[in-house]
Amino acid sequence: RNRYAPEAFARPPRGAVEGENAVF
């Protein structure tokens, strides 16, 4: 029942030059 599944929205700091590969 996919509508119950949590979904993660991840947005790195916009100043991170690595973009989506920025370190969390």
PDB file of all heavy atoms in Angstrom:
ATOM      1  N   ARG A   1       0.856  -1.183   0.000  1.00  0.00           N
ATOM      2  CA  ARG A   1       0.000   0.000   0.000  1.00  0.00           C
ATOM      3  C   ARG A   1       0.894   1.236   0.000  1.00  0.00           C
ATOM      4  O   ARG A   1       1.199   1.809   1.031  1.00  0.00           O
ATOM      5  CB  ARG A   1      -0.933  -0.020   1.220  1.00  0.00           C
ATOM      6  CG  ARG A   1      -2.057  -1.028   1.067  1.00  0.00           C
ATOM      7  CD  ARG A   1      -2.999  -0.985   2.235  1.00  0.00           C
ATOM      8  NE  ARG A   1      -2.497  -1.748   3.367  1.00  0.00           N
ATOM      9  CZ  ARG A   1      -3.138  -1.849   4.536  1.00  0.00           C
ATOM     10  NH1 ARG A   1      -4.268  -1.216   4.712  1.00  0.00           N
ATOM     11  NH2 ARG A   1      -2.634  -2.563   5.510  1.00  0.00           N
ATOM     12  N   ASN A   2       1.309   1.612  -1.186  1.00  0.00           N
ATOM     13  CA  ASN A   2       2.360   2.607  -1.335  1.00  0.00           C
ATOM     14  C   ASN A   2       2.005   3.950  -0.727  1.00  0.00           C
ATOM     15  O   ASN A   2       2.883   4.703  -0.303  1.00  0.00           O
ATOM     16  CB  ASN A   2       2.698   2.786  -2.821  1.00  0.00           C
ATOM     17  CG  ASN A   2       3.935   3.625  -3.026  1.00  0.00           C
ATOM     18  OD1 ASN A   2       4.986   3.310  -2.483  1.00  0.00           O
ATOM     19  ND2 ASN A   2       3.814   4.706  -3.775  1.00  0.00           N
ATOM     20  N   ARG A   3       0.710   4.273  -0.656  1.00  0.00           N
ATOM     21  CA  ARG A   3       0.346   5.598  -0.133  1.00  0.00           C
ATOM     22  C   ARG A   3       0.669   5.726   1.346  1.00  0.00           C
ATOM     23  O   ARG A   3       0.659   6.832   1.888  1.00  0.00           O
ATOM     24  CB  ARG A   3      -1.140   5.885  -0.376  1.00  0.00           C
ATOM     25  CG  ARG A   3      -2.098   4.953   0.328  1.00  0.00           C
ATOM     26  CD  ARG A   3      -3.505   5.155  -0.224  1.00  0.00           C
ATOM     27  NE  ARG A   3      -4.464   4.263   0.382  1.00  0.00           N
ATOM     28  CZ  ARG A   3      -5.496   4.664   1.099  1.00  0.00           C
ATOM     29  NH1 ARG A   3      -5.685   5.941   1.306  1.00  0.00           N
ATOM     30  NH2 ARG A   3      -6.341   3.796   1.613  1.00  0.00           N
ATOM     31  N   TYR A   4       0.932   4.595   2.022  1.00  0.00           N
ATOM     32  CA  TYR A   4       1.292   4.655   3.430  1.00  0.00           C
ATOM     33  C   TYR A   4       2.800   4.737   3.632  1.00  0.00           C
ATOM     34  O   TYR A   4       3.260   4.902   4.743  1.00  0.00           O
ATOM     35  CB  TYR A   4       0.757   3.433   4.173  1.00  0.00           C
ATOM     36  CG  TYR A   4      -0.745   3.301   4.127  1.00  0.00           C
ATOM     37  CD1 TYR A   4      -1.342   2.075   3.877  1.00  0.00           C
ATOM     38  CD2 TYR A   4      -1.559   4.410   4.314  1.00  0.00           C
ATOM     39  CE1 TYR A   4      -2.727   1.948   3.823  1.00  0.00           C
ATOM     40  CE2 TYR A   4      -2.928   4.305   4.261  1.00  0.00           C
ATOM     41  CZ  TYR A   4      -3.512   3.073   4.019  1.00  0.00           C
ATOM     42  OH  TYR A   4      -4.872   2.962   3.970  1.00  0.00           O
ATOM     43  N   ALA A   5       3.555   4.545   2.590  1.00  0.00           N
ATOM     44  CA  ALA A   5       5.011   4.488   2.727  1.00  0.00           C
ATOM     45  C   ALA A   5       5.589   5.888   2.930  1.00  0.00           C
ATOM     46  O   ALA A   5       5.275   6.808   2.177  1.00  0.00           O
ATOM     47  CB  ALA A   5       5.626   3.855   1.483  1.00  0.00           C
ATOM     48  N   PRO A   6       6.434   6.047   3.936  1.00  0.00           N
ATOM     49  CA  PRO A   6       7.114   7.337   4.076  1.00  0.00           C
ATOM     50  C   PRO A   6       7.986   7.625   2.856  1.00  0.00           C
ATOM     51  O   PRO A   6       8.557   6.705   2.271  1.00  0.00           O
ATOM     52  CB  PRO A   6       7.975   7.142   5.328  1.00  0.00           C
ATOM     53  CG  PRO A   6       7.385   5.977   6.040  1.00  0.00           C
ATOM     54  CD  PRO A   6       6.811   5.090   4.977  1.00  0.00           C
ATOM     55  N   GLU A   7       8.056   8.851   2.479  1.00  0.00           N
ATOM     56  CA  GLU A   7       8.924   9.262   1.380  1.00  0.00           C
ATOM     57  C   GLU A   7       9.837  10.364   1.889  1.00  0.00           C
ATOM     58  O   GLU A   7       9.394  11.260   2.604  1.00  0.00           O
ATOM     59  CB  GLU A   7       8.101   9.779   0.200  1.00  0.00           C
ATOM     60  CG  GLU A   7       7.188   8.732  -0.425  1.00  0.00           C
ATOM     61  CD  GLU A   7       6.333   9.310  -1.531  1.00  0.00           C
ATOM     62  OE1 GLU A   7       6.620  10.449  -1.951  1.00  0.00           O
ATOM     63  OE2 GLU A   7       5.373   8.639  -1.948  1.00  0.00           O
ATOM     64  N   ALA A   8      11.084  10.271   1.535  1.00  0.00           N
ATOM     65  CA  ALA A   8      12.049  11.265   1.995  1.00  0.00           C
ATOM     66  C   ALA A   8      12.244  12.334   0.934  1.00  0.00           C
ATOM     67  O   ALA A   8      12.482  12.014  -0.235  1.00  0.00           O
ATOM     68  CB  ALA A   8      13.379  10.606   2.319  1.00  0.00           C
ATOM     69  N   PHE A   9      12.112  13.576   1.344  1.00  0.00           N
ATOM     70  CA  PHE A   9      12.542  14.674   0.482  1.00  0.00           C
ATOM     71  C   PHE A   9      13.870  15.171   1.024  1.00  0.00           C
ATOM     72  O   PHE A   9      13.964  15.608   2.172  1.00  0.00           O
ATOM     73  CB  PHE A   9      11.530  15.815   0.460  1.00  0.00           C
ATOM     74  CG  PHE A   9      12.081  17.043  -0.221  1.00  0.00           C
ATOM     75  CD1 PHE A   9      12.301  17.047  -1.579  1.00  0.00           C
ATOM     76  CD2 PHE A   9      12.410  18.179   0.514  1.00  0.00           C
ATOM     77  CE1 PHE A   9      12.831  18.150  -2.213  1.00  0.00           C
ATOM     78  CE2 PHE A   9      12.935  19.296  -0.114  1.00  0.00           C
ATOM     79  CZ  PHE A   9      13.146  19.288  -1.475  1.00  0.00           C
ATOM     80  N   ALA A  10      14.920  15.050   0.233  1.00  0.00           N
ATOM     81  CA  ALA A  10      16.256  15.456   0.644  1.00  0.00           C
ATOM     82  C   ALA A  10      16.728  16.598  -0.251  1.00  0.00           C
ATOM     83  O   ALA A  10      16.708  16.475  -1.473  1.00  0.00           O
ATOM     84  CB  ALA A  10      17.223  14.283   0.559  1.00  0.00           C
ATOM     85  N   ARG A  11      17.114  17.679   0.374  1.00  0.00           N
ATOM     86  CA  ARG A  11      17.689  18.803  -0.369  1.00  0.00           C
ATOM     87  C   ARG A  11      18.971  19.237   0.318  1.00  0.00           C
ATOM     88  O   ARG A  11      18.942  19.735   1.442  1.00  0.00           O
ATOM     89  CB  ARG A  11      16.725  19.988  -0.414  1.00  0.00           C
ATOM     90  CG  ARG A  11      17.147  21.068  -1.419  1.00  0.00           C
ATOM     91  CD  ARG A  11      16.583  22.439  -1.057  1.00  0.00           C
ATOM     92  NE  ARG A  11      17.266  23.015   0.096  1.00  0.00           N
ATOM     93  CZ  ARG A  11      16.919  24.176   0.650  1.00  0.00           C
ATOM     94  NH1 ARG A  11      15.883  24.833   0.201  1.00  0.00           N
ATOM     95  NH2 ARG A  11      17.587  24.647   1.702  1.00  0.00           N
ATOM     96  N   PRO A  12      20.119  19.018  -0.321  1.00  0.00           N
ATOM     97  CA  PRO A  12      21.389  19.423   0.294  1.00  0.00           C
ATOM     98  C   PRO A  12      21.445  20.938   0.466  1.00  0.00           C
ATOM     99  O   PRO A  12      20.679  21.685  -0.164  1.00  0.00           O
ATOM    100  CB  PRO A  12      22.435  18.951  -0.726  1.00  0.00           C
ATOM    101  CG  PRO A  12      21.719  18.013  -1.637  1.00  0.00           C
ATOM    102  CD  PRO A  12      20.296  18.431  -1.656  1.00  0.00           C
ATOM    103  N   PRO A  13      22.328  21.419   1.315  1.00  0.00           N
ATOM    104  CA  PRO A  13      22.546  22.869   1.386  1.00  0.00           C
ATOM    105  C   PRO A  13      22.882  23.407   0.002  1.00  0.00           C
ATOM    106  O   PRO A  13      23.673  22.814  -0.731  1.00  0.00           O
ATOM    107  CB  PRO A  13      23.739  22.998   2.336  1.00  0.00           C
ATOM    108  CG  PRO A  13      23.688  21.763   3.182  1.00  0.00           C
ATOM    109  CD  PRO A  13      23.188  20.683   2.265  1.00  0.00           C
ATOM    110  N   ARG A  14      22.246  24.497  -0.362  1.00  0.00           N
ATOM    111  CA  ARG A  14      22.424  24.988  -1.731  1.00  0.00           C
ATOM    112  C   ARG A  14      23.812  25.543  -1.995  1.00  0.00           C
ATOM    113  O   ARG A  14      24.193  25.755  -3.132  1.00  0.00           O
ATOM    114  CB  ARG A  14      21.353  26.038  -2.026  1.00  0.00           C
ATOM    115  CG  ARG A  14      19.951  25.428  -1.987  1.00  0.00           C
ATOM    116  CD  ARG A  14      18.896  26.391  -2.471  1.00  0.00           C
ATOM    117  NE  ARG A  14      17.585  25.731  -2.498  1.00  0.00           N
ATOM    118  CZ  ARG A  14      16.477  26.305  -2.934  1.00  0.00           C
ATOM    119  NH1 ARG A  14      16.503  27.545  -3.365  1.00  0.00           N
ATOM    120  NH2 ARG A  14      15.336  25.642  -2.923  1.00  0.00           N
ATOM    121  N   GLY A  15      24.551  25.756  -0.918  1.00  0.00           N
ATOM    122  CA  GLY A  15      25.920  26.224  -1.105  1.00  0.00           C
ATOM    123  C   GLY A  15      26.912  25.095  -1.276  1.00  0.00           C
ATOM    124  O   GLY A  15      28.097  25.334  -1.502  1.00  0.00           O
ATOM    125  N   ALA A  16      26.425  23.851  -1.192  1.00  0.00           N
ATOM    126  CA  ALA A  16      27.322  22.695  -1.309  1.00  0.00           C
ATOM    127  C   ALA A  16      27.685  22.463  -2.767  1.00  0.00           C
ATOM    128  O   ALA A  16      26.818  22.223  -3.604  1.00  0.00           O
ATOM    129  CB  ALA A  16      26.656  21.448  -0.723  1.00  0.00           C
ATOM    130  N   VAL A  17      28.973  22.495  -3.077  1.00  0.00           N
ATOM    131  CA  VAL A  17      29.402  22.339  -4.467  1.00  0.00           C
ATOM    132  C   VAL A  17      29.188  20.911  -4.947  1.00  0.00           C
ATOM    133  O   VAL A  17      29.124  20.655  -6.142  1.00  0.00           O
ATOM    134  CB  VAL A  17      30.888  22.735  -4.627  1.00  0.00           C
ATOM    135  CG1 VAL A  17      31.080  24.210  -4.316  1.00  0.00           C
ATOM    136  CG2 VAL A  17      31.773  21.892  -3.715  1.00  0.00           C
ATOM    137  N   GLU A  18      29.060  19.962  -4.000  1.00  0.00           N
ATOM    138  CA  GLU A  18      28.887  18.565  -4.404  1.00  0.00           C
ATOM    139  C   GLU A  18      27.459  18.261  -4.844  1.00  0.00           C
ATOM    140  O   GLU A  18      27.177  17.168  -5.320  1.00  0.00           O
ATOM    141  CB  GLU A  18      29.248  17.632  -3.239  1.00  0.00           C
ATOM    142  CG  GLU A  18      30.641  17.843  -2.686  1.00  0.00           C
ATOM    143  CD  GLU A  18      30.627  18.856  -1.536  1.00  0.00           C
ATOM    144  OE1 GLU A  18      29.620  19.595  -1.390  1.00  0.00           O
ATOM    145  OE2 GLU A  18      31.623  18.906  -0.799  1.00  0.00           O
ATOM    146  N   GLY A  19      26.538  19.202  -4.672  1.00  0.00           N
ATOM    147  CA  GLY A  19      25.151  18.979  -5.063  1.00  0.00           C
ATOM    148  C   GLY A  19      24.518  17.859  -4.263  1.00  0.00           C
ATOM    149  O   GLY A  19      24.640  17.796  -3.041  1.00  0.00           O
ATOM    150  N   GLU A  20      23.847  16.934  -4.949  1.00  0.00           N
ATOM    151  CA  GLU A  20      23.136  15.849  -4.264  1.00  0.00           C
ATOM    152  C   GLU A  20      24.086  14.910  -3.535  1.00  0.00           C
ATOM    153  O   GLU A  20      23.682  14.146  -2.659  1.00  0.00           O
ATOM    154  CB  GLU A  20      22.306  15.050  -5.266  1.00  0.00           C
ATOM    155  CG  GLU A  20      23.114  14.386  -6.355  1.00  0.00           C
ATOM    156  CD  GLU A  20      22.251  13.795  -7.456  1.00  0.00           C
ATOM    157  OE1 GLU A  20      21.104  14.264  -7.633  1.00  0.00           O
ATOM    158  OE2 GLU A  20      22.720  12.872  -8.128  1.00  0.00           O
ATOM    159  N   ASN A  21      25.367  14.952  -3.886  1.00  0.00           N
ATOM    160  CA  ASN A  21      26.356  14.123  -3.190  1.00  0.00           C
ATOM    161  C   ASN A  21      26.987  14.841  -2.002  1.00  0.00           C
ATOM    162  O   ASN A  21      27.973  14.363  -1.431  1.00  0.00           O
ATOM    163  CB  ASN A  21      27.453  13.683  -4.165  1.00  0.00           C
ATOM    164  CG  ASN A  21      26.926  12.716  -5.210  1.00  0.00           C
ATOM    165  OD1 ASN A  21      26.180  11.800  -4.887  1.00  0.00           O
ATOM    166  ND2 ASN A  21      27.292  12.940  -6.462  1.00  0.00           N
ATOM    167  N   ALA A  22      26.417  15.976  -1.620  1.00  0.00           N
ATOM    168  CA  ALA A  22      26.902  16.689  -0.443  1.00  0.00           C
ATOM    169  C   ALA A  22      26.758  15.793   0.782  1.00  0.00           C
ATOM    170  O   ALA A  22      25.833  14.988   0.897  1.00  0.00           O
ATOM    171  CB  ALA A  22      26.119  17.984  -0.255  1.00  0.00           C
ATOM    172  N   VAL A  23      27.673  15.942   1.714  1.00  0.00           N
ATOM    173  CA  VAL A  23      27.716  15.068   2.885  1.00  0.00           C
ATOM    174  C   VAL A  23      26.610  15.446   3.867  1.00  0.00           C
ATOM    175  O   VAL A  23      26.468  16.608   4.259  1.00  0.00           O
ATOM    176  CB  VAL A  23      29.085  15.164   3.581  1.00  0.00           C
ATOM    177  CG1 VAL A  23      29.087  14.357   4.874  1.00  0.00           C
ATOM    178  CG2 VAL A  23      30.175  14.676   2.642  1.00  0.00           C
ATOM    179  N   PHE A  24      25.831  14.442   4.255  1.00  0.00           N
ATOM    180  CA  PHE A  24      24.850  14.616   5.313  1.00  0.00           C
ATOM    181  C   PHE A  24      25.451  14.246   6.664  1.00  0.00           C
ATOM    182  O   PHE A  24      25.209  14.913   7.660  1.00  0.00           O
ATOM    183  CB  PHE A  24      23.606  13.766   5.031  1.00  0.00           C
ATOM    184  CG  PHE A  24      22.536  13.922   6.067  1.00  0.00           C
ATOM    185  CD1 PHE A  24      21.620  14.959   5.976  1.00  0.00           C
ATOM    186  CD2 PHE A  24      22.436  13.039   7.135  1.00  0.00           C
ATOM    187  CE1 PHE A  24      20.640  15.114   6.943  1.00  0.00           C
ATOM    188  CE2 PHE A  24      21.456  13.187   8.095  1.00  0.00           C
ATOM    189  CZ  PHE A  24      20.554  14.232   8.006  1.00  0.00           C
TER     190      PHE A  24
END
